[in-house]
PDB file of all heavy atoms in Angstrom:
ATOM      1  N   LEU A   1       0.854  -1.195  -0.019  1.00  0.00           N
ATOM      2  CA  LEU A   1      -0.007   0.012   0.023  1.00  0.00           C
ATOM      3  C   LEU A   1       0.861   1.261   0.003  1.00  0.00           C
ATOM      4  O   LEU A   1       0.549   2.231  -0.691  1.00  0.00           O
ATOM      5  CB  LEU A   1      -0.910  -0.030   1.204  1.00  0.00           C
ATOM      6  CG  LEU A   1      -2.047  -1.094   1.191  1.00  0.00           C
ATOM      7  CD1 LEU A   1      -2.708  -1.215   2.543  1.00  0.00           C
ATOM      8  CD2 LEU A   1      -3.099  -0.775   0.125  1.00  0.00           C
ATOM      9  N   GLU A   2       1.969   1.249   0.779  1.00  0.00           N
ATOM     10  CA  GLU A   2       2.870   2.391   0.747  1.00  0.00           C
ATOM     11  C   GLU A   2       3.454   2.627  -0.619  1.00  0.00           C
ATOM     12  O   GLU A   2       3.531   3.747  -1.113  1.00  0.00           O
ATOM     13  CB  GLU A   2       3.990   2.159   1.784  1.00  0.00           C
ATOM     14  CG  GLU A   2       3.545   2.275   3.204  1.00  0.00           C
ATOM     15  CD  GLU A   2       4.649   1.902   4.209  1.00  0.00           C
ATOM     16  OE1 GLU A   2       5.720   1.550   3.712  1.00  0.00           O
ATOM     17  OE2 GLU A   2       4.425   2.062   5.427  1.00  0.00           O
ATOM     18  N   TYR A   3       3.840   1.489  -1.273  1.00  0.00           N
ATOM     19  CA  TYR A   3       4.352   1.615  -2.691  1.00  0.00           C
ATOM     20  C   TYR A   3       3.290   2.214  -3.577  1.00  0.00           C
ATOM     21  O   TYR A   3       3.580   3.032  -4.465  1.00  0.00           O
ATOM     22  CB  TYR A   3       4.840   0.264  -3.198  1.00  0.00           C
ATOM     23  CG  TYR A   3       6.072  -0.261  -2.540  1.00  0.00           C
ATOM     24  CD1 TYR A   3       6.224  -1.633  -2.309  1.00  0.00           C
ATOM     25  CD2 TYR A   3       7.066   0.607  -2.112  1.00  0.00           C
ATOM     26  CE1 TYR A   3       7.365  -2.140  -1.695  1.00  0.00           C
ATOM     27  CE2 TYR A   3       8.218   0.109  -1.522  1.00  0.00           C
ATOM     28  CZ  TYR A   3       8.373  -1.252  -1.273  1.00  0.00           C
ATOM     29  OH  TYR A   3       9.489  -1.771  -0.664  1.00  0.00           O
ATOM     30  N   LYS A   4       2.004   1.722  -3.420  1.00  0.00           N
ATOM     31  CA  LYS A   4       0.917   2.243  -4.227  1.00  0.00           C
ATOM     32  C   LYS A   4       0.703   3.720  -4.009  1.00  0.00           C
ATOM     33  O   LYS A   4       0.466   4.479  -4.942  1.00  0.00           O
ATOM     34  CB  LYS A   4      -0.374   1.484  -3.931  1.00  0.00           C
ATOM     35  CG  LYS A   4      -0.415   0.092  -4.541  1.00  0.00           C
ATOM     36  CD  LYS A   4      -1.720  -0.594  -4.228  1.00  0.00           C
ATOM     37  CE  LYS A   4      -1.759  -2.014  -4.819  1.00  0.00           C
ATOM     38  NZ  LYS A   4      -3.014  -2.708  -4.504  1.00  0.00           N
ATOM     39  N   ILE A   5       0.777   4.152  -2.697  1.00  0.00           N
ATOM     40  CA  ILE A   5       0.614   5.571  -2.404  1.00  0.00           C
ATOM     41  C   ILE A   5       1.719   6.389  -3.087  1.00  0.00           C
ATOM     42  O   ILE A   5       1.448   7.447  -3.673  1.00  0.00           O
ATOM     43  CB  ILE A   5       0.655   5.788  -0.855  1.00  0.00           C
ATOM     44  CG1 ILE A   5      -0.632   5.237  -0.263  1.00  0.00           C
ATOM     45  CG2 ILE A   5       0.804   7.230  -0.488  1.00  0.00           C
ATOM     46  CD1 ILE A   5      -0.553   4.940   1.224  1.00  0.00           C
ATOM     47  N   GLU A   6       2.970   5.898  -3.042  1.00  0.00           N
ATOM     48  CA  GLU A   6       4.081   6.595  -3.709  1.00  0.00           C
ATOM     49  C   GLU A   6       3.846   6.680  -5.203  1.00  0.00           C
ATOM     50  O   GLU A   6       4.075   7.763  -5.822  1.00  0.00           O
ATOM     51  CB  GLU A   6       5.400   5.888  -3.390  1.00  0.00           C
ATOM     52  CG  GLU A   6       5.839   6.058  -1.968  1.00  0.00           C
ATOM     53  CD  GLU A   6       7.111   5.239  -1.671  1.00  0.00           C
ATOM     54  OE1 GLU A   6       7.568   4.568  -2.616  1.00  0.00           O
ATOM     55  OE2 GLU A   6       7.609   5.352  -0.544  1.00  0.00           O
ATOM     56  N   ASP A   7       3.350   5.539  -5.804  1.00  0.00           N
ATOM     57  CA  ASP A   7       3.046   5.570  -7.258  1.00  0.00           C
ATOM     58  C   ASP A   7       1.984   6.580  -7.557  1.00  0.00           C
ATOM     59  O   ASP A   7       2.038   7.292  -8.567  1.00  0.00           O
ATOM     60  CB  ASP A   7       2.627   4.179  -7.697  1.00  0.00           C
ATOM     61  CG  ASP A   7       3.764   3.201  -7.618  1.00  0.00           C
ATOM     62  OD1 ASP A   7       4.932   3.626  -7.738  1.00  0.00           O
ATOM     63  OD2 ASP A   7       3.483   1.985  -7.464  1.00  0.00           O
ATOM     64  N   LEU A   8       0.914   6.621  -6.689  1.00  0.00           N
ATOM     65  CA  LEU A   8      -0.183   7.564  -6.938  1.00  0.00           C
ATOM     66  C   LEU A   8       0.317   9.022  -6.785  1.00  0.00           C
ATOM     67  O   LEU A   8      -0.123   9.904  -7.563  1.00  0.00           O
ATOM     68  CB  LEU A   8      -1.314   7.285  -5.938  1.00  0.00           C
ATOM     69  CG  LEU A   8      -2.138   6.005  -6.241  1.00  0.00           C
ATOM     70  CD1 LEU A   8      -3.031   5.712  -5.036  1.00  0.00           C
ATOM     71  CD2 LEU A   8      -2.965   6.199  -7.493  1.00  0.00           C
ATOM     72  N   LYS A   9       1.232   9.211  -5.796  1.00  0.00           N
ATOM     73  CA  LYS A   9       1.815  10.565  -5.694  1.00  0.00           C
ATOM     74  C   LYS A   9       2.524  10.978  -6.939  1.00  0.00           C
ATOM     75  O   LYS A   9       2.375  12.093  -7.453  1.00  0.00           O
ATOM     76  CB  LYS A   9       2.765  10.590  -4.495  1.00  0.00           C
ATOM     77  CG  LYS A   9       2.049  10.664  -3.159  1.00  0.00           C
ATOM     78  CD  LYS A   9       3.070  10.644  -1.992  1.00  0.00           C
ATOM     79  CE  LYS A   9       2.382  10.652  -0.656  1.00  0.00           C
ATOM     80  NZ  LYS A   9       3.391  10.624   0.466  1.00  0.00           N
ATOM     81  N   GLN A  10       3.357  10.031  -7.432  1.00  0.00           N
ATOM     82  CA  GLN A  10       4.088  10.337  -8.667  1.00  0.00           C
ATOM     83  C   GLN A  10       3.122  10.606  -9.848  1.00  0.00           C
ATOM     84  O   GLN A  10       3.328  11.514 -10.639  1.00  0.00           O
ATOM     85  CB  GLN A  10       5.004   9.182  -9.031  1.00  0.00           C
ATOM     86  CG  GLN A  10       6.208   9.045  -8.111  1.00  0.00           C
ATOM     87  CD  GLN A  10       7.082   7.860  -8.464  1.00  0.00           C
ATOM     88  OE1 GLN A  10       6.773   7.136  -9.364  1.00  0.00           O
ATOM     89  NE2 GLN A  10       8.164   7.688  -7.690  1.00  0.00           N
ATOM     90  N   HIS A  11       1.987   9.789  -9.895  1.00  0.00           N
ATOM     91  CA  HIS A  11       1.008   9.943 -10.964  1.00  0.00           C
ATOM     92  C   HIS A  11       0.334  11.336 -10.851  1.00  0.00           C
ATOM     93  O   HIS A  11       0.097  11.993 -11.857  1.00  0.00           O
ATOM     94  CB  HIS A  11      -0.010   8.801 -10.854  1.00  0.00           C
ATOM     95  CG  HIS A  11      -0.983   8.785 -12.009  1.00  0.00           C
ATOM     96  ND1 HIS A  11      -0.537   8.604 -13.329  1.00  0.00           N
ATOM     97  CD2 HIS A  11      -2.317   8.924 -12.082  1.00  0.00           C
ATOM     98  CE1 HIS A  11      -1.583   8.615 -14.131  1.00  0.00           C
ATOM     99  NE2 HIS A  11      -2.644   8.821 -13.392  1.00  0.00           N
ATOM    100  N   THR A  12       0.014  11.727  -9.610  1.00  0.00           N
ATOM    101  CA  THR A  12      -0.603  13.053  -9.434  1.00  0.00           C
ATOM    102  C   THR A  12       0.318  14.185  -9.862  1.00  0.00           C
ATOM    103  O   THR A  12      -0.070  15.127 -10.499  1.00  0.00           O
ATOM    104  CB  THR A  12      -0.982  13.258  -7.958  1.00  0.00           C
ATOM    105  OG1 THR A  12       0.123  12.953  -7.115  1.00  0.00           O
ATOM    106  CG2 THR A  12      -2.155  12.346  -7.574  1.00  0.00           C
ATOM    107  N   LEU A  13       1.600  14.012  -9.505  1.00  0.00           N
ATOM    108  CA  LEU A  13       2.606  15.040  -9.947  1.00  0.00           C
ATOM    109  C   LEU A  13       2.669  15.126 -11.467  1.00  0.00           C
ATOM    110  O   LEU A  13       2.698  16.208 -12.020  1.00  0.00           O
ATOM    111  CB  LEU A  13       3.965  14.706  -9.386  1.00  0.00           C
ATOM    112  CG  LEU A  13       4.129  14.851  -7.854  1.00  0.00           C
ATOM    113  CD1 LEU A  13       5.471  14.252  -7.412  1.00  0.00           C
ATOM    114  CD2 LEU A  13       4.077  16.322  -7.477  1.00  0.00           C
ATOM    115  N   GLU A  14       2.641  13.900 -12.116  1.00  0.00           N
ATOM    116  CA  GLU A  14       2.678  13.935 -13.597  1.00  0.00           C
ATOM    117  C   GLU A  14       1.402  14.589 -14.156  1.00  0.00           C
ATOM    118  O   GLU A  14       1.475  15.358 -15.116  1.00  0.00           O
ATOM    119  CB  GLU A  14       2.800  12.498 -14.065  1.00  0.00           C
ATOM    120  CG  GLU A  14       4.182  11.893 -13.812  1.00  0.00           C
ATOM    121  CD  GLU A  14       4.214  10.449 -14.218  1.00  0.00           C
ATOM    122  OE1 GLU A  14       3.169   9.901 -14.639  1.00  0.00           O
ATOM    123  OE2 GLU A  14       5.334   9.824 -14.093  1.00  0.00           O
ATOM    124  N   LEU A  15       0.245  14.241 -13.519  1.00  0.00           N
ATOM    125  CA  LEU A  15      -1.021  14.854 -13.987  1.00  0.00           C
ATOM    126  C   LEU A  15      -1.003  16.374 -13.812  1.00  0.00           C
ATOM    127  O   LEU A  15      -1.464  17.118 -14.652  1.00  0.00           O
ATOM    128  CB  LEU A  15      -2.189  14.233 -13.234  1.00  0.00           C
ATOM    129  CG  LEU A  15      -2.526  12.772 -13.616  1.00  0.00           C
ATOM    130  CD1 LEU A  15      -3.559  12.189 -12.646  1.00  0.00           C
ATOM    131  CD2 LEU A  15      -3.062  12.677 -15.045  1.00  0.00           C
ATOM    132  N   GLN A  16      -0.456  16.832 -12.630  1.00  0.00           N
ATOM    133  CA  GLN A  16      -0.364  18.258 -12.422  1.00  0.00           C
ATOM    134  C   GLN A  16       0.517  18.927 -13.485  1.00  0.00           C
ATOM    135  O   GLN A  16       0.208  20.014 -13.994  1.00  0.00           O
ATOM    136  CB  GLN A  16       0.199  18.532 -11.043  1.00  0.00           C
ATOM    137  CG  GLN A  16      -0.834  18.300  -9.904  1.00  0.00           C
ATOM    138  CD  GLN A  16      -0.222  18.440  -8.522  1.00  0.00           C
ATOM    139  OE1 GLN A  16       0.970  18.746  -8.425  1.00  0.00           O
ATOM    140  NE2 GLN A  16      -1.046  18.220  -7.502  1.00  0.00           N
ATOM    141  N   GLU A  17       1.631  18.263 -13.803  1.00  0.00           N
ATOM    142  CA  GLU A  17       2.505  18.814 -14.859  1.00  0.00           C
ATOM    143  C   GLU A  17       1.770  18.873 -16.189  1.00  0.00           C
ATOM    144  O   GLU A  17       1.868  19.850 -16.932  1.00  0.00           O
ATOM    145  CB  GLU A  17       3.768  17.944 -14.970  1.00  0.00           C
ATOM    146  CG  GLU A  17       4.709  18.101 -13.811  1.00  0.00           C
ATOM    147  CD  GLU A  17       5.875  17.169 -13.903  1.00  0.00           C
ATOM    148  OE1 GLU A  17       5.890  16.356 -14.841  1.00  0.00           O
ATOM    149  OE2 GLU A  17       6.756  17.229 -13.031  1.00  0.00           O
ATOM    150  N   ASN A  18       0.974  17.771 -16.492  1.00  0.00           N
ATOM    151  CA  ASN A  18       0.232  17.769 -17.731  1.00  0.00           C
ATOM    152  C   ASN A  18      -0.800  18.888 -17.773  1.00  0.00           C
ATOM    153  O   ASN A  18      -1.071  19.489 -18.816  1.00  0.00           O
ATOM    154  CB  ASN A  18      -0.455  16.390 -17.937  1.00  0.00           C
ATOM    155  CG  ASN A  18       0.537  15.334 -18.247  1.00  0.00           C
ATOM    156  OD1 ASN A  18       1.520  15.572 -18.933  1.00  0.00           O
ATOM    157  ND2 ASN A  18       0.317  14.133 -17.735  1.00  0.00           N
ATOM    158  N   ILE A  19      -1.439  19.097 -16.565  1.00  0.00           N
ATOM    159  CA  ILE A  19      -2.465  20.199 -16.509  1.00  0.00           C
ATOM    160  C   ILE A  19      -1.820  21.537 -16.781  1.00  0.00           C
ATOM    161  O   ILE A  19      -2.362  22.382 -17.518  1.00  0.00           O
ATOM    162  CB  ILE A  19      -3.144  20.163 -15.122  1.00  0.00           C
ATOM    163  CG1 ILE A  19      -4.082  18.939 -15.060  1.00  0.00           C
ATOM    164  CG2 ILE A  19      -3.950  21.413 -14.866  1.00  0.00           C
ATOM    165  CD1 ILE A  19      -4.467  18.553 -13.654  1.00  0.00           C
ATOM    166  N   GLN A  20      -0.633  21.746 -16.143  1.00  0.00           N
ATOM    167  CA  GLN A  20       0.062  23.020 -16.392  1.00  0.00           C
ATOM    168  C   GLN A  20       0.402  23.187 -17.855  1.00  0.00           C
ATOM    169  O   GLN A  20       0.228  24.307 -18.429  1.00  0.00           O
ATOM    170  CB  GLN A  20       1.326  23.065 -15.548  1.00  0.00           C
ATOM    171  CG  GLN A  20       1.005  23.257 -14.051  1.00  0.00           C
ATOM    172  CD  GLN A  20       2.271  23.242 -13.224  1.00  0.00           C
ATOM    173  OE1 GLN A  20       3.374  23.068 -13.775  1.00  0.00           O
ATOM    174  NE2 GLN A  20       2.124  23.393 -11.884  1.00  0.00           N
ATOM    175  N   LYS A  21       0.881  22.049 -18.464  1.00  0.00           N
ATOM    176  CA  LYS A  21       1.178  22.142 -19.906  1.00  0.00           C
ATOM    177  C   LYS A  21      -0.101  22.466 -20.727  1.00  0.00           C
ATOM    178  O   LYS A  21      -0.074  23.229 -21.689  1.00  0.00           O
ATOM    179  CB  LYS A  21       1.811  20.830 -20.386  1.00  0.00           C
ATOM    180  CG  LYS A  21       3.213  20.617 -19.886  1.00  0.00           C
ATOM    181  CD  LYS A  21       3.726  19.265 -20.360  1.00  0.00           C
ATOM    182  CE  LYS A  21       5.133  18.994 -19.838  1.00  0.00           C
ATOM    183  NZ  LYS A  21       5.620  17.642 -20.270  1.00  0.00           N
ATOM    184  N   GLY A  22      -1.211  21.783 -20.327  1.00  0.00           N
ATOM    185  CA  GLY A  22      -2.472  22.045 -21.059  1.00  0.00           C
ATOM    186  C   GLY A  22      -2.945  23.486 -20.918  1.00  0.00           C
ATOM    187  O   GLY A  22      -3.435  24.076 -21.871  1.00  0.00           O
ATOM    188  N   LYS A  23      -2.745  24.016 -19.674  1.00  0.00           N
ATOM    189  CA  LYS A  23      -3.122  25.430 -19.474  1.00  0.00           C
ATOM    190  C   LYS A  23      -2.286  26.376 -20.359  1.00  0.00           C
ATOM    191  O   LYS A  23      -2.814  27.310 -20.941  1.00  0.00           O
ATOM    192  CB  LYS A  23      -2.955  25.778 -17.993  1.00  0.00           C
ATOM    193  CG  LYS A  23      -4.017  25.205 -17.131  1.00  0.00           C
ATOM    194  CD  LYS A  23      -3.759  25.587 -15.630  1.00  0.00           C
ATOM    195  CE  LYS A  23      -4.859  25.012 -14.726  1.00  0.00           C
ATOM    196  NZ  LYS A  23      -4.622  25.328 -13.343  1.00  0.00           N
ATOM    197  N   LYS A  24      -0.965  26.045 -20.440  1.00  0.00           N
ATOM    198  CA  LYS A  24      -0.088  26.864 -21.272  1.00  0.00           C
ATOM    199  C   LYS A  24      -0.558  26.792 -22.748  1.00  0.00           C
ATOM    200  O   LYS A  24      -0.621  27.806 -23.433  1.00  0.00           O
ATOM    201  CB  LYS A  24       1.336  26.374 -21.142  1.00  0.00           C
ATOM    202  CG  LYS A  24       1.974  26.786 -19.811  1.00  0.00           C
ATOM    203  CD  LYS A  24       3.400  26.265 -19.750  1.00  0.00           C
ATOM    204  CE  LYS A  24       4.059  26.618 -18.411  1.00  0.00           C
ATOM    205  NZ  LYS A  24       5.419  26.095 -18.326  1.00  0.00           N
ATOM    206  N   GLU A  25      -0.805  25.532 -23.206  1.00  0.00           N
ATOM    207  CA  GLU A  25      -1.292  25.357 -24.573  1.00  0.00           C
ATOM    208  C   GLU A  25      -2.620  26.080 -24.794  1.00  0.00           C
ATOM    209  O   GLU A  25      -2.841  26.665 -25.843  1.00  0.00           O
ATOM    210  CB  GLU A  25      -1.434  23.846 -24.885  1.00  0.00           C
ATOM    211  CG  GLU A  25      -0.105  23.164 -25.000  1.00  0.00           C
ATOM    212  CD  GLU A  25      -0.243  21.675 -25.210  1.00  0.00           C
ATOM    213  OE1 GLU A  25      -1.420  21.221 -25.217  1.00  0.00           O
ATOM    214  OE2 GLU A  25       0.780  20.957 -25.387  1.00  0.00           O
ATOM    215  N   LYS A  26      -3.527  25.997 -23.788  1.00  0.00           N
ATOM    216  CA  LYS A  26      -4.817  26.691 -23.906  1.00  0.00           C
ATOM    217  C   LYS A  26      -4.641  28.197 -24.009  1.00  0.00           C
ATOM    218  O   LYS A  26      -5.291  28.882 -24.864  1.00  0.00           O
ATOM    219  CB  LYS A  26      -5.642  26.343 -22.651  1.00  0.00           C
ATOM    220  CG  LYS A  26      -7.097  26.854 -22.708  1.00  0.00           C
ATOM    221  CD  LYS A  26      -7.818  26.421 -21.464  1.00  0.00           C
ATOM    222  CE  LYS A  26      -9.260  26.944 -21.487  1.00  0.00           C
ATOM    223  NZ  LYS A  26     -10.001  26.586 -20.261  1.00  0.00           N
ATOM    224  N   ALA A  27      -3.696  28.722 -23.228  1.00  0.00           N
ATOM    225  CA  ALA A  27      -3.432  30.187 -23.304  1.00  0.00           C
ATOM    226  C   ALA A  27      -2.881  30.569 -24.664  1.00  0.00           C
ATOM    227  O   ALA A  27      -3.305  31.577 -25.263  1.00  0.00           O
ATOM    228  CB  ALA A  27      -2.454  30.574 -22.187  1.00  0.00           C
ATOM    229  N   ASN A  28      -1.958  29.711 -25.180  1.00  0.00           N
ATOM    230  CA  ASN A  28      -1.388  29.985 -26.476  1.00  0.00           C
ATOM    231  C   ASN A  28      -2.472  29.934 -27.569  1.00  0.00           C
ATOM    232  O   ASN A  28      -2.509  30.804 -28.479  1.00  0.00           O
ATOM    233  CB  ASN A  28      -0.302  28.978 -26.808  1.00  0.00           C
ATOM    234  CG  ASN A  28       0.894  29.169 -25.941  1.00  0.00           C
ATOM    235  OD1 ASN A  28       1.241  30.280 -25.559  1.00  0.00           O
ATOM    236  ND2 ASN A  28       1.554  28.062 -25.580  1.00  0.00           N
ATOM    237  N   ILE A  29      -3.341  28.921 -27.478  1.00  0.00           N
ATOM    238  CA  ILE A  29      -4.407  28.784 -28.482  1.00  0.00           C
ATOM    239  C   ILE A  29      -5.377  29.951 -28.350  1.00  0.00           C
ATOM    240  O   ILE A  29      -5.883  30.494 -29.386  1.00  0.00           O
ATOM    241  CB  ILE A  29      -5.127  27.438 -28.289  1.00  0.00           C
ATOM    242  CG1 ILE A  29      -4.166  26.317 -28.710  1.00  0.00           C
ATOM    243  CG2 ILE A  29      -6.383  27.359 -29.166  1.00  0.00           C
ATOM    244  CD1 ILE A  29      -4.545  24.979 -28.189  1.00  0.00           C
ATOM    245  N   ALA A  30      -5.730  30.397 -27.121  1.00  0.00           N
ATOM    246  CA  ALA A  30      -6.598  31.555 -26.922  1.00  0.00           C
ATOM    247  C   ALA A  30      -6.020  32.795 -27.555  1.00  0.00           C
ATOM    248  O   ALA A  30      -6.726  33.593 -28.219  1.00  0.00           O
ATOM    249  CB  ALA A  30      -6.885  31.749 -25.442  1.00  0.00           C
ATOM    250  N   ALA A  31      -4.679  32.973 -27.353  1.00  0.00           N
ATOM    251  CA  ALA A  31      -4.021  34.155 -27.928  1.00  0.00           C
ATOM    252  C   ALA A  31      -4.079  34.096 -29.447  1.00  0.00           C
ATOM    253  O   ALA A  31      -4.374  35.116 -30.108  1.00  0.00           O
ATOM    254  CB  ALA A  31      -2.565  34.209 -27.453  1.00  0.00           C
ATOM    255  N   GLU A  32      -3.843  32.885 -29.983  1.00  0.00           N
ATOM    256  CA  GLU A  32      -3.949  32.725 -31.464  1.00  0.00           C
ATOM    257  C   GLU A  32      -5.364  33.052 -31.923  1.00  0.00           C
ATOM    258  O   GLU A  32      -5.524  33.681 -33.010  1.00  0.00           O
ATOM    259  CB  GLU A  32      -3.513  31.320 -31.828  1.00  0.00           C
ATOM    260  CG  GLU A  32      -2.057  31.067 -31.703  1.00  0.00           C
ATOM    261  CD  GLU A  32      -1.690  29.648 -32.016  1.00  0.00           C
ATOM    262  OE1 GLU A  32      -2.598  28.847 -32.347  1.00  0.00           O
ATOM    263  OE2 GLU A  32      -0.471  29.323 -31.905  1.00  0.00           O
TER     264      GLU A  32
END
């Protein structure tokens, strides 16, 4: 379970990074 929690933490960090990238892309597309 501890290993699963660590994996989920890593997955959340990756998802947060993807969200930030998506927000940046959204802002770029809105500007365009």
